[in-house]
C-alpha cells in the first residue's frame, strides 16, 4: 500500500513538472520583440510584461532618447507614444494589444508598423481598474500615411 502511494505521488509530481516545463517553453517560443524604452518608464515595463505573459520573447533596450528611435524607424510624429518596438520586420509604437500584433504577423500587410498614439488609459500597460478610454490602433507606412487598423471603444468605470 505504501509503495502504491509513493508511486502515485511520484507520478503526480512528474506530470506537474512536465506541465510546468511545457508552459515555460511556450513562453520562450513566441515571436521575438525588442522594446526600446526609457529606463524610467514603468508603463513601458508593464507593456513588456504583458507581451512576455502572452508568449513573446521580449528584449528590453533602455534608451535615453526614444524620439530618435521613432525617427530611425520612420514613425510619423502624430503617432508618437512612450516606447517603440520591433517584431517580425515591423515597428510597434505605444501600447498596442497583443491581438493586433499577432494579426499583423499573420497577415503581413505592406505597412511599416502599428501605433497607439499617446498613452490611452485602459490600453495594455495602462490599465486603471475597469476604465478604458476609446482608442485606435493605427497603421503607418514608409511615406507617413496612417489609417485605422482596429478601434477599441471606451468603457466607463463601474459604479457600486
N, C-alpha and C. Protein backbone atom coordinates (compact mmCIF):
# COMPACT_ATOMS: atom_id res chain seq x y z
N UNK A 1 0.82 -1.20 0.00
CA UNK A 1 0.00 0.00 0.00
C UNK A 1 0.87 1.26 0.00
N UNK A 2 1.93 1.29 0.84
CA UNK A 2 2.82 2.45 0.89
C UNK A 2 3.53 2.64 -0.44
N UNK A 3 3.91 1.53 -1.06
CA UNK A 3 4.59 1.60 -2.35
C UNK A 3 3.68 2.19 -3.42
N UNK A 4 2.41 1.85 -3.36
CA UNK A 4 1.44 2.37 -4.33
C UNK A 4 1.24 3.88 -4.13
N UNK A 5 1.18 4.34 -2.90
CA UNK A 5 1.03 5.77 -2.60
C UNK A 5 2.26 6.53 -3.10
N UNK A 6 3.43 5.98 -2.85
CA UNK A 6 4.66 6.62 -3.30
C UNK A 6 4.68 6.70 -4.82
N UNK A 7 4.24 5.64 -5.49
CA UNK A 7 4.20 5.62 -6.95
C UNK A 7 3.29 6.74 -7.47
N UNK A 8 2.07 6.84 -6.94
CA UNK A 8 1.12 7.83 -7.42
C UNK A 8 1.57 9.26 -7.12
N UNK A 9 2.18 9.48 -5.98
CA UNK A 9 2.73 10.80 -5.65
C UNK A 9 3.84 11.17 -6.63
N UNK A 10 4.70 10.21 -6.89
CA UNK A 10 5.79 10.44 -7.84
C UNK A 10 5.27 10.75 -9.23
N UNK A 11 4.25 10.00 -9.64
CA UNK A 11 3.65 10.24 -10.96
C UNK A 11 3.02 11.63 -11.02
N UNK A 12 2.32 12.03 -9.97
CA UNK A 12 1.70 13.37 -9.94
C UNK A 12 2.76 14.46 -10.02
N UNK A 13 3.86 14.29 -9.31
CA UNK A 13 4.95 15.28 -9.36
C UNK A 13 5.55 15.34 -10.76
N UNK A 14 5.73 14.18 -11.38
CA UNK A 14 6.30 14.15 -12.73
C UNK A 14 5.38 14.85 -13.73
N UNK A 15 4.09 14.60 -13.65
CA UNK A 15 3.13 15.24 -14.56
C UNK A 15 3.13 16.75 -14.33
N UNK A 16 3.11 17.18 -13.08
CA UNK A 16 3.12 18.61 -12.78
C UNK A 16 4.40 19.26 -13.32
N UNK A 17 5.51 18.58 -13.21
CA UNK A 17 6.77 19.11 -13.73
C UNK A 17 6.73 19.25 -15.24
N UNK A 18 6.18 18.25 -15.92
CA UNK A 18 6.08 18.31 -17.38
C UNK A 18 5.18 19.45 -17.83
N UNK A 19 4.08 19.67 -17.13
CA UNK A 19 3.17 20.77 -17.46
C UNK A 19 3.89 22.11 -17.27
N UNK A 20 4.64 22.25 -16.17
CA UNK A 20 5.38 23.49 -15.92
C UNK A 20 6.43 23.73 -17.00
N UNK A 21 7.11 22.70 -17.42
CA UNK A 21 8.12 22.83 -18.47
C UNK A 21 7.46 23.23 -19.78
N UNK A 22 6.33 22.59 -20.11
CA UNK A 22 5.63 22.91 -21.36
C UNK A 22 5.17 24.36 -21.37
N UNK A 23 4.66 24.84 -20.23
CA UNK A 23 4.20 26.23 -20.16
C UNK A 23 5.36 27.20 -20.30
N UNK A 24 6.49 26.91 -19.67
CA UNK A 24 7.63 27.82 -19.77
C UNK A 24 8.22 27.79 -21.17
N UNK A 25 8.18 26.66 -21.85
CA UNK A 25 8.69 26.60 -23.22
C UNK A 25 7.80 27.37 -24.17
N UNK A 26 6.48 27.36 -23.95
CA UNK A 26 5.58 28.14 -24.78
C UNK A 26 5.94 29.62 -24.69
N UNK A 27 6.23 30.07 -23.47
CA UNK A 27 6.57 31.48 -23.27
C UNK A 27 7.88 31.84 -23.98
N UNK A 28 8.72 30.87 -24.23
CA UNK A 28 10.01 31.15 -24.85
C UNK A 28 10.01 30.91 -26.35
N UNK A 29 8.92 30.48 -26.92
CA UNK A 29 8.91 30.15 -28.35
C UNK A 29 8.07 31.11 -29.18
N UNK A 30 7.52 32.15 -28.57
CA UNK A 30 6.74 33.12 -29.33
C UNK A 30 7.65 34.04 -30.13
N UNK A 31 7.04 35.01 -30.81
CA UNK A 31 7.83 35.95 -31.60
C UNK A 31 8.81 36.74 -30.73
N UNK A 32 9.96 37.04 -31.29
CA UNK A 32 10.94 37.87 -30.59
C UNK A 32 10.61 39.33 -30.85
N UNK A 33 10.56 40.12 -29.79
CA UNK A 33 10.27 41.54 -29.91
C UNK A 33 11.28 42.33 -29.08
N UNK A 34 11.81 43.39 -29.67
CA UNK A 34 12.75 44.27 -28.97
C UNK A 34 12.01 45.55 -28.64
N UNK A 35 11.98 45.89 -27.36
CA UNK A 35 11.28 47.09 -26.88
C UNK A 35 12.31 48.14 -26.51
N UNK A 36 12.22 49.30 -27.16
CA UNK A 36 13.09 50.44 -26.88
C UNK A 36 12.30 51.39 -25.98
N UNK A 37 12.80 51.59 -24.76
CA UNK A 37 12.05 52.40 -23.80
C UNK A 37 12.99 53.19 -22.91
N UNK A 38 12.46 54.23 -22.32
CA UNK A 38 13.21 55.00 -21.33
C UNK A 38 13.43 54.12 -20.11
N UNK A 39 14.60 54.21 -19.49
CA UNK A 39 14.87 53.40 -18.30
C UNK A 39 13.89 53.67 -17.15
N UNK A 40 13.28 54.85 -17.13
CA UNK A 40 12.42 55.23 -16.00
C UNK A 40 10.93 55.03 -16.26
N UNK A 41 10.54 54.54 -17.42
CA UNK A 41 9.11 54.44 -17.75
C UNK A 41 8.52 53.12 -17.25
N UNK A 42 7.62 53.21 -16.28
CA UNK A 42 7.03 52.00 -15.70
C UNK A 42 5.91 51.42 -16.57
N UNK A 43 5.18 52.26 -17.30
CA UNK A 43 4.10 51.72 -18.13
C UNK A 43 4.67 50.90 -19.29
N UNK A 44 5.84 51.29 -19.77
CA UNK A 44 6.51 50.52 -20.83
C UNK A 44 6.92 49.15 -20.31
N UNK A 45 7.39 49.12 -19.06
CA UNK A 45 7.76 47.84 -18.44
C UNK A 45 6.53 46.97 -18.27
N UNK A 46 5.39 47.56 -17.93
CA UNK A 46 4.15 46.79 -17.80
C UNK A 46 3.72 46.23 -19.16
N UNK A 47 3.87 47.02 -20.23
CA UNK A 47 3.52 46.53 -21.57
C UNK A 47 4.45 45.38 -21.97
N UNK A 48 5.73 45.49 -21.65
CA UNK A 48 6.68 44.42 -21.96
C UNK A 48 6.32 43.15 -21.19
N UNK A 49 5.91 43.28 -19.93
CA UNK A 49 5.48 42.11 -19.14
C UNK A 49 4.23 41.48 -19.74
N UNK A 50 3.31 42.31 -20.20
CA UNK A 50 2.09 41.84 -20.87
C UNK A 50 2.45 41.02 -22.11
N UNK A 51 3.41 41.50 -22.89
CA UNK A 51 3.86 40.75 -24.07
C UNK A 51 4.49 39.42 -23.66
N UNK A 52 5.33 39.46 -22.65
CA UNK A 52 6.01 38.25 -22.15
C UNK A 52 4.97 37.24 -21.67
N UNK A 53 3.97 37.71 -20.93
CA UNK A 53 2.91 36.83 -20.43
C UNK A 53 2.09 36.23 -21.57
N UNK A 54 2.11 36.88 -22.73
CA UNK A 54 1.38 36.40 -23.91
C UNK A 54 2.24 35.52 -24.81
N UNK A 55 3.45 35.20 -24.37
CA UNK A 55 4.30 34.27 -25.10
C UNK A 55 5.39 34.89 -25.95
N UNK A 56 5.47 36.21 -26.00
CA UNK A 56 6.53 36.86 -26.77
C UNK A 56 7.87 36.73 -26.04
N UNK A 57 8.94 36.63 -26.80
CA UNK A 57 10.29 36.67 -26.24
C UNK A 57 10.72 38.14 -26.28
N UNK A 58 10.73 38.77 -25.12
CA UNK A 58 10.92 40.22 -25.02
C UNK A 58 12.35 40.55 -24.62
N UNK A 59 12.96 41.45 -25.38
CA UNK A 59 14.24 42.04 -25.02
C UNK A 59 14.01 43.53 -24.84
N UNK A 60 14.42 44.06 -23.71
CA UNK A 60 14.26 45.49 -23.46
C UNK A 60 15.59 46.19 -23.66
N UNK A 61 15.56 47.24 -24.48
CA UNK A 61 16.73 48.09 -24.70
C UNK A 61 16.42 49.46 -24.09
N UNK A 62 17.14 49.79 -23.02
CA UNK A 62 16.95 51.10 -22.40
C UNK A 62 17.62 52.16 -23.28
N UNK A 63 16.85 53.17 -23.66
CA UNK A 63 17.38 54.27 -24.46
C UNK A 63 16.95 55.59 -23.81
N UNK A 64 17.83 56.56 -23.86
CA UNK A 64 17.52 57.85 -23.23
C UNK A 64 16.83 58.80 -24.21
N UNK A 65 16.87 58.50 -25.48
CA UNK A 65 16.23 59.34 -26.49
C UNK A 65 15.29 58.49 -27.35
N UNK A 66 14.09 58.27 -26.82
CA UNK A 66 13.09 57.44 -27.50
C UNK A 66 12.66 58.09 -28.82
N UNK A 67 12.66 59.42 -28.86
CA UNK A 67 12.28 60.12 -30.10
C UNK A 67 13.21 59.76 -31.25
N UNK A 68 14.48 59.64 -30.99
CA UNK A 68 15.41 59.29 -32.08
C UNK A 68 15.15 57.86 -32.58
N UNK A 69 14.70 56.97 -31.70
CA UNK A 69 14.35 55.60 -32.13
C UNK A 69 13.14 55.65 -33.07
N UNK A 70 12.16 56.45 -32.71
CA UNK A 70 10.97 56.58 -33.57
C UNK A 70 11.36 57.14 -34.94
N UNK A 71 12.23 58.14 -34.94
CA UNK A 71 12.69 58.72 -36.21
C UNK A 71 13.46 57.68 -37.02
N UNK A 72 14.31 56.92 -36.36
CA UNK A 72 15.10 55.89 -37.04
C UNK A 72 14.20 54.87 -37.75
N UNK A 73 13.05 54.56 -37.14
CA UNK A 73 12.14 53.57 -37.72
C UNK A 73 11.02 54.20 -38.55
N UNK A 74 11.10 55.51 -38.79
CA UNK A 74 10.15 56.18 -39.69
C UNK A 74 8.75 56.35 -39.15
N UNK A 75 8.62 56.50 -37.85
CA UNK A 75 7.30 56.67 -37.25
C UNK A 75 6.86 58.13 -37.39
N UNK A 76 5.68 58.38 -37.98
CA UNK A 76 5.18 59.75 -38.10
C UNK A 76 4.98 60.39 -36.72
N UNK A 77 5.33 61.65 -36.58
CA UNK A 77 5.25 62.35 -35.30
C UNK A 77 3.87 62.27 -34.63
N UNK A 78 2.76 62.39 -35.39
CA UNK A 78 1.45 62.32 -34.74
C UNK A 78 1.15 60.97 -34.09
N UNK A 79 1.92 59.94 -34.42
CA UNK A 79 1.68 58.60 -33.86
C UNK A 79 2.59 58.30 -32.68
N UNK A 80 3.30 59.29 -32.19
CA UNK A 80 4.27 59.09 -31.11
C UNK A 80 3.62 58.58 -29.83
N UNK A 81 4.39 57.80 -29.13
CA UNK A 81 3.98 57.28 -27.81
C UNK A 81 5.25 57.08 -26.99
N UNK A 82 5.13 56.42 -25.87
CA UNK A 82 6.26 56.37 -24.93
C UNK A 82 7.29 55.30 -25.23
N UNK A 83 7.01 54.33 -26.07
CA UNK A 83 8.03 53.33 -26.41
C UNK A 83 7.83 52.87 -27.85
N UNK A 84 8.89 52.28 -28.38
CA UNK A 84 8.90 51.76 -29.75
C UNK A 84 9.45 50.35 -29.69
N UNK A 85 8.92 49.46 -30.52
CA UNK A 85 9.39 48.07 -30.53
C UNK A 85 9.53 47.60 -31.97
N UNK A 86 10.29 46.52 -32.14
CA UNK A 86 10.46 45.89 -33.45
C UNK A 86 10.15 44.40 -33.32
N UNK A 87 9.31 43.92 -34.23
CA UNK A 87 8.95 42.50 -34.25
C UNK A 87 8.66 42.09 -35.70
N UNK A 88 9.28 41.03 -36.14
CA UNK A 88 8.99 40.48 -37.47
C UNK A 88 9.17 41.47 -38.61
N UNK A 89 10.09 42.43 -38.47
CA UNK A 89 10.30 43.42 -39.51
C UNK A 89 9.38 44.63 -39.43
N UNK A 90 8.50 44.66 -38.46
CA UNK A 90 7.55 45.76 -38.26
C UNK A 90 7.94 46.58 -37.04
N UNK A 91 7.49 47.84 -37.02
CA UNK A 91 7.67 48.73 -35.88
C UNK A 91 6.35 48.83 -35.14
N UNK A 92 6.42 48.72 -33.83
CA UNK A 92 5.24 48.82 -32.97
C UNK A 92 5.47 50.00 -32.04
N UNK A 93 4.52 50.93 -32.01
CA UNK A 93 4.67 52.15 -31.21
C UNK A 93 3.53 52.23 -30.19
N UNK A 94 3.91 52.38 -28.94
CA UNK A 94 2.91 52.56 -27.90
C UNK A 94 2.28 51.25 -27.43
N UNK A 95 1.15 51.38 -26.78
CA UNK A 95 0.50 50.28 -26.07
C UNK A 95 -0.42 49.46 -26.98
N UNK A 96 0.15 48.86 -28.00
CA UNK A 96 -0.61 48.06 -28.96
C UNK A 96 -0.96 46.71 -28.34
N UNK A 97 -2.24 46.29 -28.42
CA UNK A 97 -2.63 44.98 -27.88
C UNK A 97 -1.99 43.82 -28.64
N UNK A 98 -1.76 42.73 -27.91
CA UNK A 98 -1.17 41.52 -28.49
C UNK A 98 -1.99 41.01 -29.68
N UNK A 99 -3.30 41.03 -29.57
CA UNK A 99 -4.14 40.51 -30.66
C UNK A 99 -3.84 41.22 -31.98
N UNK A 100 -3.57 42.51 -31.92
CA UNK A 100 -3.27 43.26 -33.14
C UNK A 100 -1.87 42.94 -33.66
N UNK A 101 -0.91 42.74 -32.76
CA UNK A 101 0.43 42.36 -33.19
C UNK A 101 0.39 40.97 -33.83
N UNK A 102 -0.34 40.05 -33.22
CA UNK A 102 -0.45 38.70 -33.77
C UNK A 102 -1.13 38.72 -35.14
N UNK A 103 -2.18 39.53 -35.27
CA UNK A 103 -2.87 39.67 -36.57
C UNK A 103 -1.91 40.23 -37.62
N UNK A 104 -1.13 41.24 -37.24
CA UNK A 104 -0.14 41.84 -38.13
C UNK A 104 0.85 40.79 -38.62
N UNK A 105 1.38 39.99 -37.70
CA UNK A 105 2.38 38.99 -38.06
C UNK A 105 1.78 37.86 -38.90
N UNK A 106 0.50 37.60 -38.72
CA UNK A 106 -0.17 36.55 -39.51
C UNK A 106 -0.50 37.04 -40.92
N UNK A 107 -1.05 38.26 -41.02
CA UNK A 107 -1.50 38.79 -42.31
C UNK A 107 -0.36 39.40 -43.12
N UNK A 108 0.67 39.92 -42.45
CA UNK A 108 1.86 40.52 -43.08
C UNK A 108 1.49 41.58 -44.14
N UNK A 109 0.72 42.60 -43.77
CA UNK A 109 0.37 43.64 -44.74
C UNK A 109 1.60 44.48 -45.11
N UNK A 110 1.49 45.18 -46.23
CA UNK A 110 2.60 46.02 -46.72
C UNK A 110 2.56 47.38 -46.02
N UNK A 111 2.88 47.38 -44.73
CA UNK A 111 2.94 48.60 -43.93
C UNK A 111 4.25 48.58 -43.15
N UNK A 112 4.58 49.72 -42.53
CA UNK A 112 5.79 49.79 -41.71
C UNK A 112 5.52 49.33 -40.29
N UNK A 113 4.29 49.55 -39.80
CA UNK A 113 4.00 49.13 -38.44
C UNK A 113 2.66 49.59 -37.92
N UNK A 114 2.50 49.40 -36.60
CA UNK A 114 1.28 49.76 -35.88
C UNK A 114 1.62 50.74 -34.77
N UNK A 115 0.65 51.58 -34.42
CA UNK A 115 0.87 52.54 -33.34
C UNK A 115 -0.43 52.79 -32.59
N UNK A 116 -0.29 52.98 -31.28
CA UNK A 116 -1.34 53.53 -30.44
C UNK A 116 -0.79 54.85 -29.94
N UNK A 117 -1.20 55.96 -30.56
CA UNK A 117 -0.66 57.27 -30.16
C UNK A 117 -1.00 57.62 -28.72
N UNK A 118 -0.09 58.31 -28.08
CA UNK A 118 -0.33 58.74 -26.70
C UNK A 118 -0.26 57.58 -25.73
N UNK A 119 -0.98 57.71 -24.66
CA UNK A 119 -0.99 56.68 -23.62
C UNK A 119 -2.41 56.50 -23.10
N UNK A 120 -3.31 55.92 -23.92
CA UNK A 120 -4.71 55.83 -23.51
C UNK A 120 -4.92 54.91 -22.30
N UNK A 121 -5.65 55.41 -21.33
CA UNK A 121 -5.98 54.62 -20.15
C UNK A 121 -6.78 53.40 -20.57
N UNK A 122 -6.38 52.26 -20.05
CA UNK A 122 -7.09 51.01 -20.35
C UNK A 122 -6.43 50.20 -21.45
N UNK A 123 -5.47 50.80 -22.17
CA UNK A 123 -4.72 50.03 -23.16
C UNK A 123 -3.72 49.16 -22.40
N UNK A 124 -3.17 48.11 -23.02
CA UNK A 124 -2.25 47.22 -22.30
C UNK A 124 -1.06 47.98 -21.70
N UNK A 125 -0.87 47.79 -20.41
CA UNK A 125 0.19 48.50 -19.68
C UNK A 125 -0.29 49.80 -19.07
N UNK A 126 -1.49 50.22 -19.43
CA UNK A 126 -2.07 51.47 -18.92
C UNK A 126 -3.40 51.21 -18.20
N UNK A 127 -3.57 50.01 -17.68
CA UNK A 127 -4.82 49.64 -17.03
C UNK A 127 -5.04 50.46 -15.76
N UNK A 128 -6.26 50.90 -15.58
CA UNK A 128 -6.68 51.64 -14.38
C UNK A 128 -8.06 51.14 -13.99
N UNK A 129 -8.12 49.99 -13.35
CA UNK A 129 -9.40 49.41 -12.97
C UNK A 129 -10.19 49.00 -14.20
N UNK A 130 -11.47 49.36 -14.23
CA UNK A 130 -12.32 48.97 -15.36
C UNK A 130 -12.48 50.07 -16.39
N UNK A 131 -11.83 51.21 -16.17
CA UNK A 131 -11.95 52.34 -17.10
C UNK A 131 -11.07 52.09 -18.33
N UNK A 132 -11.63 52.42 -19.51
CA UNK A 132 -10.83 52.37 -20.73
C UNK A 132 -11.26 53.52 -21.63
N UNK A 133 -10.28 54.34 -22.00
CA UNK A 133 -10.55 55.38 -22.99
C UNK A 133 -10.67 54.71 -24.35
N UNK A 134 -11.49 55.30 -25.20
CA UNK A 134 -11.55 54.82 -26.58
C UNK A 134 -10.23 55.14 -27.26
N UNK A 135 -9.74 54.20 -28.07
CA UNK A 135 -8.51 54.47 -28.82
C UNK A 135 -8.48 53.63 -30.08
N UNK A 136 -7.65 54.08 -31.00
CA UNK A 136 -7.45 53.37 -32.27
C UNK A 136 -6.02 52.85 -32.34
N UNK A 137 -5.88 51.67 -32.92
CA UNK A 137 -4.57 51.17 -33.32
C UNK A 137 -4.43 51.60 -34.78
N UNK A 138 -3.36 52.31 -35.07
CA UNK A 138 -3.16 52.86 -36.40
C UNK A 138 -2.07 52.09 -37.15
N UNK A 139 -2.23 51.98 -38.47
CA UNK A 139 -1.13 51.51 -39.32
C UNK A 139 -0.40 52.74 -39.81
N UNK A 140 0.85 52.55 -40.21
CA UNK A 140 1.57 53.62 -40.89
C UNK A 140 2.51 52.97 -41.89
N UNK A 141 2.78 53.71 -42.96
CA UNK A 141 3.69 53.18 -43.99
C UNK A 141 4.95 54.03 -44.05
N UNK A 142 5.84 53.67 -44.95
CA UNK A 142 7.14 54.35 -45.05
C UNK A 142 7.00 55.79 -45.55
N UNK A 143 5.82 56.17 -46.06
CA UNK A 143 5.57 57.54 -46.53
C UNK A 143 4.87 58.39 -45.48
N UNK A 144 4.62 57.82 -44.30
CA UNK A 144 3.96 58.56 -43.23
C UNK A 144 2.45 58.52 -43.29
N UNK A 145 1.89 57.76 -44.22
CA UNK A 145 0.44 57.64 -44.32
C UNK A 145 -0.07 56.73 -43.21
N UNK A 146 -1.15 57.12 -42.57
CA UNK A 146 -1.71 56.36 -41.46
C UNK A 146 -3.18 56.05 -41.70
N UNK A 147 -3.63 54.94 -41.17
CA UNK A 147 -5.05 54.59 -41.22
C UNK A 147 -5.39 53.71 -40.02
N UNK A 148 -6.68 53.62 -39.72
CA UNK A 148 -7.13 52.84 -38.57
C UNK A 148 -7.05 51.35 -38.89
N UNK A 149 -6.46 50.60 -37.99
CA UNK A 149 -6.32 49.14 -38.09
C UNK A 149 -7.35 48.46 -37.21
N UNK A 150 -7.56 49.01 -36.02
CA UNK A 150 -8.51 48.44 -35.06
C UNK A 150 -8.98 49.54 -34.12
N UNK A 151 -10.24 49.53 -33.76
CA UNK A 151 -10.81 50.50 -32.84
C UNK A 151 -11.22 49.81 -31.55
N UNK A 152 -10.87 50.42 -30.43
CA UNK A 152 -11.27 49.92 -29.12
C UNK A 152 -12.17 50.96 -28.48
N UNK A 153 -13.43 50.61 -28.21
CA UNK A 153 -14.35 51.59 -27.61
C UNK A 153 -14.00 51.86 -26.15
N UNK A 154 -14.45 53.00 -25.69
CA UNK A 154 -14.25 53.35 -24.28
C UNK A 154 -15.14 52.52 -23.38
N UNK A 155 -14.80 52.51 -22.13
CA UNK A 155 -15.57 51.77 -21.13
C UNK A 155 -15.51 52.55 -19.84
N UNK A 156 -16.67 52.95 -19.34
CA UNK A 156 -16.74 53.76 -18.11
C UNK A 156 -16.51 52.89 -16.88
N UNK A 157 -16.12 53.54 -15.80
CA UNK A 157 -15.93 52.84 -14.53
C UNK A 157 -17.27 52.35 -14.01
N UNK A 158 -17.23 51.21 -13.37
CA UNK A 158 -18.46 50.68 -12.73
C UNK A 158 -18.73 51.48 -11.47
N UNK A 159 -20.00 51.74 -11.25
CA UNK A 159 -20.38 52.42 -10.00
C UNK A 159 -21.10 51.42 -9.12
N UNK A 160 -20.81 51.45 -7.83
CA UNK A 160 -21.43 50.49 -6.91
C UNK A 160 -22.89 50.73 -6.69
